[in-house]
């Protein structure tokens, strides 16, 4: 089996290709403007630079390798950046997804039986305002989509265009609405930012450590990247084409609890200082997904708790700092 992972220069993609390579799977990854240090990725992995906004780029790669599984993770994945770069966010997230499906359609002109499974990395950001409006705190896949920032809008577009290619072109696509996920190599999420800043303070200012924060009273279901990868791979094997599945931690944490876990593991106490720049124009009070559908389809179970994830991330940043 050959597997293609777009966005292998991101946190999730980089871990996914390494795990598959270790299992002896032939895996190819694409990257463009990587958010991880490519030097950290095993040099035995096949990585190809590819700006997915230009359809012929991804078409050449798919034509060359004819992957049986495609994990489409390539994206502009930061809500904050989407406010600054809405055009680019739409172009990459929606246009890049169209490029993948159009490449498959083009290949079918020559190879009519080509029928890969395409796992599309959608987002919990699609639910937006609905997360505040529903009575049950766990949002289900059939909830209304009301995104609150350009990134969320782009993911709704990606989600719906993926369904369109399933419905009209019989391309086996599965949409995975991914909730808060973190782990080593992650950047610009609350757990990564806190662990990174904490290690710097631990090494430089251990007597009077200060941690800059935004809103620490929102609640998030935070999942380890390894649990996410298990879910994505399970969907590729057992998910139903055309369907959408939430992938979420079932354990909810107030952001302040992340700080408490870090303090416990480092054995220090931080003075907290609010930085206005870290406060978003809109911020969902709680984000957690109902994963009943995922579990029934695949048997997926969350294995890793946040304490273990934070321990690994603190060690990661400590190694980077030293």
Protein backbone atom coordinates (compact mmCIF):
# COMPACT_ATOMS: atom_id res chain seq x y z
CA UNK A 1 0.00 0.00 0.00
CA UNK A 2 1.14 3.53 -0.81
CA UNK A 3 -0.03 6.47 1.29
CA UNK A 4 0.08 10.19 0.49
CA UNK A 5 0.03 12.77 3.29
CA UNK A 6 -0.41 16.37 2.21
CA UNK A 7 0.78 18.86 4.80
CA UNK A 8 3.51 16.56 6.11
CA UNK A 9 5.39 19.70 7.18
CA UNK A 10 2.82 20.27 9.91
CA UNK A 11 2.60 18.81 13.39
CA UNK A 12 0.05 16.09 12.65
CA UNK A 13 1.40 15.20 9.22
CA UNK A 14 5.01 14.92 10.37
CA UNK A 15 4.09 12.45 13.12
CA UNK A 16 1.79 10.50 10.81
CA UNK A 17 4.41 9.89 8.12
CA UNK A 18 7.01 8.85 10.70
CA UNK A 19 4.65 6.37 12.36
CA UNK A 20 3.72 4.83 9.01
CA UNK A 21 7.33 4.67 7.85
CA UNK A 22 8.32 2.83 11.03
CA UNK A 23 5.60 0.28 10.24
CA UNK A 24 7.10 -0.33 6.81
CA UNK A 25 4.36 1.46 4.87
CA UNK A 26 5.37 3.26 1.67
CA UNK A 27 4.44 6.83 2.51
CA UNK A 28 5.00 10.08 0.63
CA UNK A 29 4.57 13.49 2.25
CA UNK A 30 4.17 16.95 0.75
CA UNK A 31 5.07 20.22 2.45
CA UNK A 32 5.07 23.94 1.71
CA UNK A 33 5.98 26.62 4.23
CA UNK A 34 6.36 23.95 6.92
CA UNK A 35 5.39 24.80 10.48
CA UNK A 36 7.78 22.19 11.89
CA UNK A 37 11.54 21.96 11.52
CA UNK A 38 12.00 19.47 8.69
CA UNK A 39 15.33 18.47 10.25
CA UNK A 40 13.33 16.89 13.07
CA UNK A 41 11.57 14.53 10.66
CA UNK A 42 13.28 11.22 9.96
CA UNK A 43 15.45 11.57 6.85
CA UNK A 44 14.23 8.20 5.58
CA UNK A 45 10.79 9.71 4.86
CA UNK A 46 10.05 10.78 1.28
CA UNK A 47 9.16 14.48 1.38
CA UNK A 48 8.23 16.55 -1.68
CA UNK A 49 7.79 20.32 -1.74
CA UNK A 50 4.37 21.15 -3.17
CA UNK A 51 2.31 24.36 -3.16
CA UNK A 52 -1.13 22.80 -3.28
CA UNK A 53 -2.72 26.02 -4.56
CA UNK A 54 -1.42 25.08 -8.01
CA UNK A 55 -3.37 21.96 -9.08
CA UNK A 56 -0.76 20.52 -11.46
CA UNK A 57 1.68 20.21 -8.56
CA UNK A 58 -0.42 17.76 -6.58
CA UNK A 59 -1.68 16.04 -9.74
CA UNK A 60 1.89 15.12 -10.73
CA UNK A 61 2.52 13.57 -7.31
CA UNK A 62 -0.73 11.59 -7.25
CA UNK A 63 -0.11 10.40 -10.81
CA UNK A 64 3.41 9.28 -9.93
CA UNK A 65 2.55 7.32 -6.77
CA UNK A 66 -1.15 6.39 -7.23
CA UNK A 67 -1.71 6.23 -3.43
CA UNK A 68 -4.45 3.99 -2.09
CA UNK A 69 -4.90 6.29 0.90
CA UNK A 70 -4.67 10.08 0.89
CA UNK A 71 -4.62 12.06 4.13
CA UNK A 72 -5.32 15.64 3.11
CA UNK A 73 -3.87 17.70 5.97
CA UNK A 74 -2.36 20.61 4.00
CA UNK A 75 -3.88 23.86 5.26
CA UNK A 76 -3.45 27.34 6.60
CA UNK A 77 -4.38 26.10 10.05
CA UNK A 78 -4.27 29.12 12.37
CA UNK A 79 -7.46 31.10 13.13
CA UNK A 80 -5.41 34.15 14.16
CA UNK A 81 -3.55 34.17 10.83
CA UNK A 82 -6.83 33.87 8.94
CA UNK A 83 -7.87 37.33 10.14
CA UNK A 84 -4.68 38.74 8.62
CA UNK A 85 -4.67 36.56 5.49
CA UNK A 86 -8.26 35.65 4.61
CA UNK A 87 -7.59 35.33 0.87
CA UNK A 88 -4.65 32.98 1.36
CA UNK A 89 -6.59 30.95 3.93
CA UNK A 90 -9.46 30.38 1.50
CA UNK A 91 -7.10 29.68 -1.38
CA UNK A 92 -5.12 27.03 0.48
CA UNK A 93 -7.92 25.36 2.41
CA UNK A 94 -10.67 25.34 -0.20
CA UNK A 95 -8.68 25.63 -3.43
CA UNK A 96 -6.11 23.08 -2.27
CA UNK A 97 -8.85 20.58 -1.48
CA UNK A 98 -10.40 21.05 -4.92
CA UNK A 99 -6.96 20.43 -6.44
CA UNK A 100 -6.69 17.02 -4.74
CA UNK A 101 -10.09 15.87 -5.96
CA UNK A 102 -9.63 17.25 -9.47
CA UNK A 103 -6.33 15.34 -9.67
CA UNK A 104 -8.17 12.11 -8.86
CA UNK A 105 -10.79 12.89 -11.51
CA UNK A 106 -8.07 13.56 -14.08
CA UNK A 107 -6.31 10.28 -13.30
CA UNK A 108 -9.54 8.37 -13.73
CA UNK A 109 -9.57 9.38 -17.39
CA UNK A 110 -6.56 7.09 -17.80
CA UNK A 111 -7.15 4.70 -14.90
CA UNK A 112 -10.95 4.46 -14.49
CA UNK A 113 -10.64 2.02 -11.56
CA UNK A 114 -8.46 4.34 -9.46
CA UNK A 115 -10.40 4.61 -6.19
CA UNK A 116 -8.40 5.94 -3.22
CA UNK A 117 -9.87 6.73 0.18
CA UNK A 118 -9.37 10.43 0.98
CA UNK A 119 -9.38 11.51 4.63
CA UNK A 120 -9.96 15.27 4.77
CA UNK A 121 -8.83 17.11 7.89
CA UNK A 122 -11.75 19.41 8.66
CA UNK A 123 -12.16 21.32 11.92
CA UNK A 124 -14.28 21.88 15.00
CA UNK A 125 -14.00 25.59 14.10
CA UNK A 126 -16.82 24.93 11.64
CA UNK A 127 -19.33 24.81 14.52
CA UNK A 128 -18.42 28.24 15.88
CA UNK A 129 -21.37 30.02 17.49
CA UNK A 130 -23.34 26.76 17.65
CA UNK A 131 -21.02 25.61 20.45
CA UNK A 132 -22.53 28.34 22.65
CA UNK A 133 -26.11 27.75 21.56
CA UNK A 134 -26.59 24.00 21.97
CA UNK A 135 -27.98 22.63 25.24
CA UNK A 136 -25.69 19.58 25.25
CA UNK A 137 -22.08 20.70 25.71
CA UNK A 138 -20.89 17.96 23.31
CA UNK A 139 -21.60 19.00 19.74
CA UNK A 140 -22.78 16.36 17.26
CA UNK A 141 -21.95 16.13 13.58
CA UNK A 142 -25.45 17.19 12.54
CA UNK A 143 -25.23 20.52 14.39
CA UNK A 144 -25.51 23.75 12.43
CA UNK A 145 -22.23 25.21 11.14
CA UNK A 146 -21.73 28.84 12.24
CA UNK A 147 -17.99 29.62 12.04
CA UNK A 148 -16.69 32.71 13.82
CA UNK A 149 -13.52 33.47 11.85
CA UNK A 150 -12.21 33.15 8.27
CA UNK A 151 -10.38 29.92 9.13
CA UNK A 152 -13.65 28.33 10.27
CA UNK A 153 -15.40 29.52 7.12
CA UNK A 154 -12.64 28.03 4.97
CA UNK A 155 -13.04 24.69 6.74
CA UNK A 156 -16.79 24.70 6.12
CA UNK A 157 -15.99 25.24 2.44
CA UNK A 158 -13.48 22.39 2.49
CA UNK A 159 -15.96 20.14 4.28
CA UNK A 160 -18.83 20.77 1.85
CA UNK A 161 -16.70 20.61 -1.29
CA UNK A 162 -15.40 17.23 -0.13
CA UNK A 163 -18.95 15.94 0.23
CA UNK A 164 -19.78 17.29 -3.23
CA UNK A 165 -16.98 15.22 -4.81
CA UNK A 166 -18.28 12.14 -3.03
CA UNK A 167 -21.88 12.76 -4.09
CA UNK A 168 -21.18 13.76 -7.69
CA UNK A 169 -17.95 11.95 -8.59
CA UNK A 170 -18.04 8.89 -6.34
CA UNK A 171 -14.68 9.74 -4.77
CA UNK A 172 -14.44 7.93 -1.44
CA UNK A 173 -13.97 10.80 0.94
CA UNK A 174 -14.33 10.93 4.72
CA UNK A 175 -14.47 14.26 6.55
CA UNK A 176 -12.82 14.36 9.97
CA UNK A 177 -13.82 17.34 12.10
CA UNK A 178 -10.78 17.59 14.33
CA UNK A 179 -10.99 19.24 17.75
CA UNK A 180 -8.12 20.72 19.79
CA UNK A 181 -5.05 18.56 19.29
CA UNK A 182 -1.54 19.12 20.59
CA UNK A 183 1.82 17.43 21.00
CA UNK A 184 5.50 17.88 20.29
CA UNK A 185 6.22 20.12 17.26
CA UNK A 186 2.94 21.96 17.74
CA UNK A 187 3.13 25.75 17.54
CA UNK A 188 0.70 28.54 18.29
CA UNK A 189 -1.81 26.64 20.36
CA UNK A 190 -2.37 27.23 24.05
CA UNK A 191 -0.63 24.07 25.32
CA UNK A 192 2.41 24.58 23.10
CA UNK A 193 2.68 28.27 23.93
CA UNK A 194 2.36 27.68 27.66
CA UNK A 195 4.88 24.82 27.77
CA UNK A 196 7.34 26.78 25.62
CA UNK A 197 7.10 29.94 27.74
CA UNK A 198 7.22 27.89 30.94
CA UNK A 199 10.50 26.22 29.99
CA UNK A 200 12.06 29.58 29.11
CA UNK A 201 11.03 30.99 32.47
CA UNK A 202 12.16 27.82 34.25
CA UNK A 203 15.63 28.15 32.73
CA UNK A 204 16.01 31.93 32.85
CA UNK A 205 13.87 33.24 35.71
CA UNK A 206 13.22 30.37 38.07
CA UNK A 207 12.96 32.54 41.21
CA UNK A 208 10.23 34.87 39.85
CA UNK A 209 8.70 33.14 36.83
CA UNK A 210 6.05 35.02 34.85
CA UNK A 211 3.64 33.48 32.36
CA UNK A 212 1.84 35.70 29.85
CA UNK A 213 -1.70 34.52 29.15
CA UNK A 214 -4.91 35.35 27.30
CA UNK A 215 -8.33 34.11 28.37
CA UNK A 216 -7.67 31.19 30.75
CA UNK A 217 -11.31 30.51 31.64
CA UNK A 218 -12.46 28.93 28.39
CA UNK A 219 -12.76 25.14 28.30
CA UNK A 220 -11.26 22.84 25.69
CA UNK A 221 -11.22 19.10 25.04
CA UNK A 222 -7.51 18.67 24.32
CA UNK A 223 -6.30 15.55 22.55
CA UNK A 224 -2.81 14.13 22.02
CA UNK A 225 -1.65 13.98 18.40
CA UNK A 226 -1.05 10.23 18.68
CA UNK A 227 -4.71 9.65 19.58
CA UNK A 228 -5.74 11.78 16.61
CA UNK A 229 -3.54 9.77 14.26
CA UNK A 230 -5.06 6.53 15.52
CA UNK A 231 -8.52 7.93 14.80
CA UNK A 232 -7.62 9.12 11.30
CA UNK A 233 -6.11 5.78 10.38
CA UNK A 234 -9.08 3.92 11.83
CA UNK A 235 -11.41 6.00 9.67
CA UNK A 236 -9.37 5.16 6.58
CA UNK A 237 -9.90 1.46 7.31
CA UNK A 238 -13.38 1.39 8.83
CA UNK A 239 -15.11 4.71 8.20
CA UNK A 240 -18.05 5.07 5.81
CA UNK A 241 -17.30 7.04 2.64
CA UNK A 242 -19.30 10.25 2.39
CA UNK A 243 -19.71 10.54 6.16
CA UNK A 244 -18.37 13.12 8.61
CA UNK A 245 -16.92 12.24 12.02
CA UNK A 246 -15.93 14.32 15.03
CA UNK A 247 -12.52 13.50 16.49
CA UNK A 248 -12.32 14.96 19.96
CA UNK A 249 -10.93 14.29 23.38
CA UNK A 250 -13.67 13.36 25.81
CA UNK A 251 -11.74 15.01 28.64
CA UNK A 252 -12.42 18.73 29.04
CA UNK A 253 -9.99 21.13 30.70
CA UNK A 254 -10.28 24.78 31.65
CA UNK A 255 -7.24 26.54 30.22
CA UNK A 256 -6.13 27.45 33.75
CA UNK A 257 -5.74 23.71 34.44
CA UNK A 258 -3.01 23.48 31.80
CA UNK A 259 -1.01 25.97 33.83
CA UNK A 260 -1.60 23.98 37.00
CA UNK A 261 -0.32 20.78 35.37
CA UNK A 262 2.79 22.59 34.10
CA UNK A 263 3.44 24.04 37.57
CA UNK A 264 3.11 20.60 39.15
CA UNK A 265 5.50 19.00 36.69
CA UNK A 266 8.12 21.75 36.92
CA UNK A 267 7.69 22.30 40.64
CA UNK A 268 7.28 26.09 40.36
CA UNK A 269 4.49 28.67 40.60
CA UNK A 270 3.95 31.34 37.92
CA UNK A 271 2.82 34.92 38.23
CA UNK A 272 0.18 35.27 35.49
CA UNK A 273 0.05 38.41 33.35
CA UNK A 274 -2.68 38.98 30.77
CA UNK A 275 -1.44 40.11 27.34
CA UNK A 276 -4.19 41.91 25.40
CA UNK A 277 -2.66 40.66 22.15
CA UNK A 278 -3.49 37.09 23.17
CA UNK A 279 -7.21 37.83 23.51
CA UNK A 280 -9.27 36.91 20.43
CA UNK A 281 -12.15 39.03 19.04
CA UNK A 282 -14.42 36.00 19.55
CA UNK A 283 -13.66 32.96 21.67
CA UNK A 284 -15.91 29.93 22.17
CA UNK A 285 -16.51 29.24 25.89
CA UNK A 286 -16.26 25.48 25.51
CA UNK A 287 -15.22 23.22 22.64
CA UNK A 288 -15.84 19.48 22.89
CA UNK A 289 -17.17 17.05 20.33
CA UNK A 290 -19.47 14.06 20.61
CA UNK A 291 -17.45 11.07 19.34
CA UNK A 292 -20.13 8.39 19.59
CA UNK A 293 -20.28 8.07 15.80
CA UNK A 294 -16.49 7.67 15.53
CA UNK A 295 -16.37 5.05 18.28
CA UNK A 296 -19.23 3.03 16.82
CA UNK A 297 -17.65 3.02 13.36
CA UNK A 298 -14.06 2.27 14.35
CA UNK A 299 -13.84 1.21 18.00
CA UNK A 300 -11.51 4.15 18.67
CA UNK A 301 -10.58 4.87 22.29
CA UNK A 302 -8.63 7.77 23.68
CA UNK A 303 -5.44 6.48 25.30
CA UNK A 304 -3.32 9.45 26.36
CA UNK A 305 -4.10 11.94 29.13
CA UNK A 306 -3.07 15.60 29.12
CA UNK A 307 -0.53 15.13 31.92
CA UNK A 308 1.46 12.73 29.72
CA UNK A 309 1.20 15.03 26.70
CA UNK A 310 2.41 18.06 28.66
CA UNK A 311 5.32 16.05 30.10
CA UNK A 312 6.46 15.15 26.57
CA UNK A 313 6.07 18.75 25.39
CA UNK A 314 8.05 20.17 28.33
CA UNK A 315 10.86 17.73 27.58
CA UNK A 316 10.70 18.66 23.89
CA UNK A 317 11.02 22.39 24.59
CA UNK A 318 13.74 21.80 27.17
CA UNK A 319 15.80 19.93 24.56
CA UNK A 320 15.20 22.75 22.04
CA UNK A 321 16.17 25.39 24.58
CA UNK A 322 19.37 23.62 25.59
